[in-house]
Amino acid sequence: MVEAVRSGEGQRSVAKQFQVSLGQVQWWVKRSKGSELDAVDWASRTHRPRETHRTSQELEALVLRMRRDLKERSALGEYGDEAIYRELKSRRLQSGLSVRTIARILLRCGALDGRRRIRRPPPPLGWYLPDVAGKRAEIDLVDAIEDLVIEGGTSVDVLACVSLHGGLPGAWPGPTLTTKRTLEALLGHWKAFGLPTYAQFDNDPRFTGGHRYTGVLGRVMQMCLSLRVTPVFAPPYESGFQASIESLNARWQAKVWQRFHHDQQGYCVAALPDTRTHTDVGW
């Protein structure tokens, strides 16, 4: 490479010819500058420093011994790097050790009580339903946003829905959310975009039906079963099952509800950034 550069070829073309980086060609040219090619030492050189400043084994043993002593007799139960530093300093045994050096000694010797947190991958979406987890089926998550107030005191409830894998959202604001409104919104949504295999709800009576009598299904559940959509109920106080719909709820309130202001009540259509979302308000 150096011979080719010295013969007049450009460094970039030489790098391309020998399939190496431009920096490598420049490094060898600089290393051989001012010398004949036969006199250049072409052997690889190690990047290891010629002289190291690692703490001696005697000082390392002293730090470890001091840690054991502090662990057994420290009144405050402190035997970390700062406690060892203070103890060495009080005994005039510091020998130039800093807190950071003591911490490196403890880490190098494995003298640490703490353990690094093991981060495991999260379970797949819909892990509690095998066909949903395997992306062979879709599930719509349904929830309600309650007690939003328009300027002037008008209360608004929102029925929200989002598909787990496809991310198809829907939001229907209006007056007090009722079972009838829920039925109409879900029927229109599924008629436009197709039926999911599952529909997931929380334990809201508007979705499950009344709890007064056992063995009685609510109208929303009856509609799902008549359409061969299997209803699924999220366990109470388990936010992970409803994470996707709760994220949509927060996004809808931030991007639609708090963003747009209308001087008069009437009919408006607002859309989320997802193009397939429809949000209708009419009263």
Protein backbone atom coordinates (compact mmCIF):
# COMPACT_ATOMS: atom_id res chain seq x y z
CA MET A 1 0.00 0.00 0.00
CA VAL A 2 2.78 2.42 0.92
CA GLU A 3 4.65 1.59 -2.28
CA ALA A 4 1.52 2.31 -4.35
CA VAL A 5 1.01 5.65 -2.61
CA ARG A 6 4.65 6.60 -3.13
CA SER A 7 4.33 5.74 -6.82
CA GLY A 8 1.68 8.45 -7.18
CA GLU A 9 -1.65 6.70 -6.64
CA GLY A 10 -4.24 8.39 -4.49
CA GLN A 11 -4.76 7.12 -0.95
CA ARG A 12 -8.47 6.55 -1.49
CA SER A 13 -7.92 4.44 -4.60
CA VAL A 14 -5.24 2.43 -2.77
CA ALA A 15 -7.63 1.82 0.13
CA LYS A 16 -10.29 0.65 -2.32
CA GLN A 17 -7.80 -1.56 -4.17
CA PHE A 18 -6.60 -3.33 -0.98
CA GLN A 19 -10.09 -3.27 0.61
CA VAL A 20 -9.02 -1.43 3.73
CA SER A 21 -10.09 1.84 5.29
CA LEU A 22 -8.57 5.17 4.31
CA GLY A 23 -7.39 5.67 7.89
CA GLN A 24 -5.37 2.46 7.75
CA VAL A 25 -3.60 3.57 4.58
CA GLN A 26 -2.85 6.95 6.14
CA TRP A 27 -1.53 5.26 9.30
CA TRP A 28 0.96 3.08 7.39
CA VAL A 29 2.07 6.01 5.21
CA LYS A 30 2.71 8.09 8.33
CA ARG A 31 4.56 5.23 10.04
CA SER A 32 6.90 4.69 7.08
CA LYS A 33 7.50 8.39 6.39
CA GLY A 34 11.17 9.26 5.90
CA SER A 35 12.36 5.63 5.72
CA GLU A 36 13.09 3.17 2.98
CA LEU A 37 10.53 0.40 2.67
CA ASP A 38 13.14 -2.25 3.56
CA ALA A 39 14.01 -0.40 6.76
CA VAL A 40 10.46 -0.02 8.07
CA ASP A 41 9.32 -2.29 10.90
CA TRP A 42 6.05 -3.70 9.56
CA ALA A 43 5.31 -5.82 12.64
CA SER A 44 2.11 -5.15 14.56
CA ARG A 45 2.46 -3.12 17.73
CA THR A 46 0.42 -3.67 20.86
CA HIS A 47 -1.68 -0.86 22.28
CA ARG A 48 -1.02 -2.02 25.80
CA PRO A 49 0.75 0.69 27.82
CA ARG A 50 4.36 0.02 28.64
CA GLU A 51 3.82 0.96 32.27
CA THR A 52 0.70 0.36 34.33
CA HIS A 53 -0.29 1.95 37.61
CA ARG A 54 -2.45 -0.79 39.07
CA THR A 55 -2.72 -0.81 42.84
CA SER A 56 -0.33 -3.23 44.49
CA GLN A 57 -1.60 -6.51 45.89
CA GLU A 58 -0.67 -5.37 49.42
CA LEU A 59 -3.00 -2.36 49.20
CA GLU A 60 -5.76 -4.45 47.67
CA ALA A 61 -5.47 -6.91 50.55
CA LEU A 62 -5.58 -3.98 52.99
CA VAL A 63 -8.80 -2.66 51.44
CA LEU A 64 -10.44 -6.08 51.57
CA ARG A 65 -9.36 -6.61 55.17
CA MET A 66 -10.68 -3.19 56.15
CA ARG A 67 -14.01 -4.02 54.52
CA ARG A 68 -14.31 -7.23 56.54
CA ASP A 69 -13.47 -5.39 59.76
CA LEU A 70 -16.02 -2.64 59.12
CA LYS A 71 -18.70 -5.16 58.19
CA GLU A 72 -18.25 -6.91 61.54
CA ARG A 73 -17.88 -3.95 63.90
CA SER A 74 -19.14 -0.78 62.21
CA ALA A 75 -21.70 0.92 64.45
CA LEU A 76 -23.61 2.28 61.44
CA GLY A 77 -23.23 -0.86 59.37
CA GLU A 78 -21.30 0.99 56.68
CA TYR A 79 -18.50 -0.84 54.89
CA GLY A 80 -18.60 0.57 51.35
CA ASP A 81 -15.92 2.48 49.48
CA GLU A 82 -16.48 5.79 51.30
CA ALA A 83 -16.51 4.10 54.73
CA ILE A 84 -13.27 2.28 53.91
CA TYR A 85 -11.71 5.55 52.73
CA ARG A 86 -12.65 7.32 55.97
CA GLU A 87 -11.30 4.46 58.08
CA LEU A 88 -8.00 4.31 56.17
CA LYS A 89 -7.64 8.06 56.47
CA SER A 90 -8.30 8.01 60.22
CA ARG A 91 -5.62 5.31 60.66
CA ARG A 92 -3.25 7.13 58.32
CA LEU A 93 -3.17 4.10 56.04
CA GLN A 94 -4.61 5.86 53.01
CA SER A 95 -1.45 5.50 50.87
CA GLY A 96 -2.87 7.69 48.10
CA LEU A 97 -6.02 5.62 47.58
CA SER A 98 -9.09 7.56 46.46
CA VAL A 99 -12.72 6.57 46.89
CA ARG A 100 -12.92 5.69 43.19
CA THR A 101 -9.81 3.49 43.41
CA ILE A 102 -11.23 1.65 46.41
CA ALA A 103 -14.49 1.12 44.50
CA ARG A 104 -12.57 -0.37 41.56
CA ILE A 105 -10.69 -2.70 43.91
CA LEU A 106 -13.95 -3.93 45.43
CA LEU A 107 -15.46 -4.45 41.98
CA ARG A 108 -12.37 -6.23 40.65
CA CYS A 109 -12.24 -8.58 43.65
CA GLY A 110 -15.99 -9.26 43.61
CA ALA A 111 -16.42 -7.83 47.12
CA LEU A 112 -19.83 -6.29 46.48
CA ASP A 113 -23.10 -7.21 48.16
CA GLY A 114 -25.27 -5.65 45.47
CA ARG A 115 -26.18 -7.55 42.33
CA ARG A 116 -26.89 -6.03 38.96
CA ARG A 117 -30.49 -6.05 37.95
CA ILE A 118 -31.32 -8.79 35.49
CA ARG A 119 -33.50 -7.41 32.72
CA ARG A 120 -35.57 -10.09 31.06
CA PRO A 121 -37.47 -9.56 27.81
CA PRO A 122 -41.17 -8.75 28.22
CA PRO A 123 -43.77 -11.38 27.32
CA PRO A 124 -45.33 -11.13 23.85
CA LEU A 125 -48.45 -9.03 23.38
CA GLY A 126 -51.52 -10.96 24.39
CA TRP A 127 -49.47 -13.64 26.15
CA TYR A 128 -52.53 -14.86 28.06
CA LEU A 129 -54.24 -15.94 24.81
CA PRO A 130 -52.01 -18.30 22.78
CA ASP A 131 -53.49 -17.49 19.37
CA VAL A 132 -53.25 -13.73 20.07
CA ALA A 133 -49.67 -14.09 21.30
CA GLY A 134 -48.85 -16.01 18.11
CA LYS A 135 -50.49 -13.24 16.03
CA ARG A 136 -53.03 -15.70 14.63
CA ALA A 137 -55.94 -13.75 16.13
CA GLU A 138 -56.75 -10.13 16.95
CA ILE A 139 -58.24 -8.67 20.11
CA ASP A 140 -59.95 -5.30 20.59
CA LEU A 141 -59.41 -3.60 23.95
CA VAL A 142 -62.40 -1.52 25.10
CA ASP A 143 -62.44 1.02 27.91
CA ALA A 144 -64.20 4.22 29.02
CA ILE A 145 -62.86 7.71 29.77
CA GLU A 146 -65.23 9.32 32.24
CA ASP A 147 -66.07 12.72 33.67
CA LEU A 148 -64.42 15.00 31.11
CA VAL A 149 -65.90 18.48 31.40
CA ILE A 150 -66.45 20.99 28.61
CA GLU A 151 -66.16 24.67 29.45
CA GLY A 152 -69.51 25.59 30.91
CA GLY A 153 -70.04 22.40 32.91
CA THR A 154 -71.12 19.85 30.29
CA SER A 155 -69.90 16.38 31.26
CA VAL A 156 -68.54 14.07 28.57
CA ASP A 157 -67.75 10.33 28.57
CA VAL A 158 -65.68 8.66 25.88
CA LEU A 159 -65.79 5.06 24.74
CA ALA A 160 -62.33 4.06 23.49
CA CYS A 161 -61.25 0.99 21.55
CA VAL A 162 -57.94 -0.18 20.05
CA SER A 163 -56.80 -3.42 18.43
CA LEU A 164 -53.76 -4.97 20.10
CA HIS A 165 -51.68 -5.93 17.05
CA GLY A 166 -53.09 -3.69 14.34
CA GLY A 167 -53.32 -0.58 16.52
CA LEU A 168 -56.66 0.41 14.95
CA PRO A 169 -58.13 2.98 17.36
CA GLY A 170 -61.57 4.40 17.84
CA ALA A 171 -63.04 6.97 20.23
CA TRP A 172 -66.67 8.01 20.62
CA PRO A 173 -67.31 11.02 22.93
CA GLY A 174 -70.78 11.99 24.02
CA PRO A 175 -73.05 12.44 27.01
CA THR A 176 -73.16 9.84 29.77
CA LEU A 177 -71.87 6.54 28.44
CA THR A 178 -74.57 3.89 28.48
CA THR A 179 -74.80 0.27 27.39
CA LYS A 180 -76.86 1.35 24.37
CA ARG A 181 -74.17 3.79 23.23
CA THR A 182 -71.53 1.09 23.71
CA LEU A 183 -73.49 -1.36 21.55
CA GLU A 184 -74.02 1.18 18.76
CA ALA A 185 -70.36 2.29 18.73
CA LEU A 186 -68.88 -1.22 18.72
CA LEU A 187 -71.33 -2.46 16.07
CA GLY A 188 -70.48 0.46 13.79
CA HIS A 189 -66.76 0.01 14.37
CA TRP A 190 -66.78 -3.71 13.65
CA LYS A 191 -69.07 -3.26 10.66
CA ALA A 192 -66.56 -0.82 9.14
CA PHE A 193 -63.33 -2.68 9.94
CA GLY A 194 -64.29 -6.31 10.57
CA LEU A 195 -64.79 -8.50 13.61
CA PRO A 196 -61.92 -9.36 15.96
CA THR A 197 -61.59 -12.80 17.48
CA TYR A 198 -61.67 -11.41 21.01
CA ALA A 199 -62.93 -8.25 22.73
CA GLN A 200 -61.46 -7.33 26.10
CA PHE A 201 -63.29 -5.32 28.77
CA ASP A 202 -62.82 -4.39 32.41
CA ASN A 203 -65.41 -5.05 35.12
CA ASP A 204 -67.51 -1.96 34.33
CA PRO A 205 -71.24 -2.90 34.65
CA ARG A 206 -71.91 -1.17 31.33
CA PHE A 207 -69.81 -3.90 29.72
CA THR A 208 -70.43 -6.91 31.95
CA GLY A 209 -74.05 -6.25 32.81
CA GLY A 210 -75.66 -6.02 36.22
CA HIS A 211 -74.27 -8.08 39.10
CA ARG A 212 -77.57 -8.52 40.91
CA TYR A 213 -78.40 -11.93 39.46
CA THR A 214 -76.03 -14.80 38.81
CA GLY A 215 -75.94 -16.50 35.43
CA VAL A 216 -77.21 -13.44 33.57
CA LEU A 217 -75.14 -11.94 30.74
CA GLY A 218 -75.16 -8.26 29.93
CA ARG A 219 -76.24 -6.98 26.53
CA VAL A 220 -72.69 -6.21 25.41
CA MET A 221 -71.62 -9.78 26.21
CA GLN A 222 -74.67 -11.17 24.43
CA MET A 223 -73.84 -9.09 21.34
CA CYS A 224 -70.23 -10.33 21.32
CA LEU A 225 -71.26 -13.97 21.64
CA SER A 226 -73.93 -13.62 18.94
CA LEU A 227 -71.23 -12.27 16.60
CA ARG A 228 -68.83 -15.07 17.64
CA VAL A 229 -66.49 -12.58 19.29
CA THR A 230 -65.16 -14.08 22.53
CA PRO A 231 -65.37 -11.58 25.43
CA VAL A 232 -62.32 -11.38 27.72
CA PHE A 233 -62.23 -9.66 31.10
CA ALA A 234 -59.07 -7.99 32.43
CA PRO A 235 -58.28 -8.77 36.09
CA PRO A 236 -58.89 -5.81 38.43
CA TYR A 237 -55.83 -3.75 39.39
CA GLU A 238 -53.69 -5.44 36.73
CA SER A 239 -52.71 -2.55 34.47
CA GLY A 240 -50.55 -4.62 32.13
CA PHE A 241 -53.56 -6.28 30.49
CA GLN A 242 -55.02 -2.88 29.60
CA ALA A 243 -51.74 -1.08 28.82
CA SER A 244 -52.55 -0.48 25.14
CA ILE A 245 -55.99 0.99 25.75
CA GLU A 246 -54.78 3.10 28.68
CA SER A 247 -52.06 4.49 26.41
CA LEU A 248 -54.71 5.38 23.82
CA ASN A 249 -56.84 7.04 26.52
CA ALA A 250 -53.95 9.25 27.60
CA ARG A 251 -53.03 10.07 24.00
CA TRP A 252 -56.60 10.95 23.07
CA GLN A 253 -56.95 13.33 26.01
CA ALA A 254 -53.59 14.98 25.25
CA LYS A 255 -53.87 15.21 21.45
CA VAL A 256 -57.61 15.70 20.92
CA TRP A 257 -59.42 16.74 24.08
CA GLN A 258 -56.91 19.28 25.39
CA ARG A 259 -55.75 20.43 21.97
CA PHE A 260 -58.96 21.60 20.27
CA HIS A 261 -61.29 24.30 21.51
CA HIS A 262 -64.72 25.12 20.07
CA ASP A 263 -66.66 28.26 20.98
CA GLN A 264 -70.05 26.61 20.47
CA GLN A 265 -71.41 23.16 21.17
CA GLY A 266 -72.40 21.29 18.09
CA TYR A 267 -71.16 18.53 15.88
CA CYS A 268 -67.47 18.08 15.28
CA VAL A 269 -65.25 15.37 13.92
CA ALA A 270 -61.72 15.11 15.26
CA ALA A 271 -59.12 12.57 14.23
CA LEU A 272 -56.12 11.12 15.97
CA PRO A 273 -52.82 11.03 14.05
CA ASP A 274 -53.76 7.50 12.94
CA THR A 275 -55.76 7.95 9.75
CA ARG A 276 -58.29 5.21 10.50
CA THR A 277 -59.47 6.76 13.78
CA HIS A 278 -62.89 8.34 13.93
CA THR A 279 -64.13 10.48 16.81
CA ASP A 280 -67.70 11.75 16.64
CA VAL A 281 -69.36 14.23 18.99
CA GLY A 282 -72.98 15.13 18.47
CA TRP A 283 -75.58 16.53 20.87
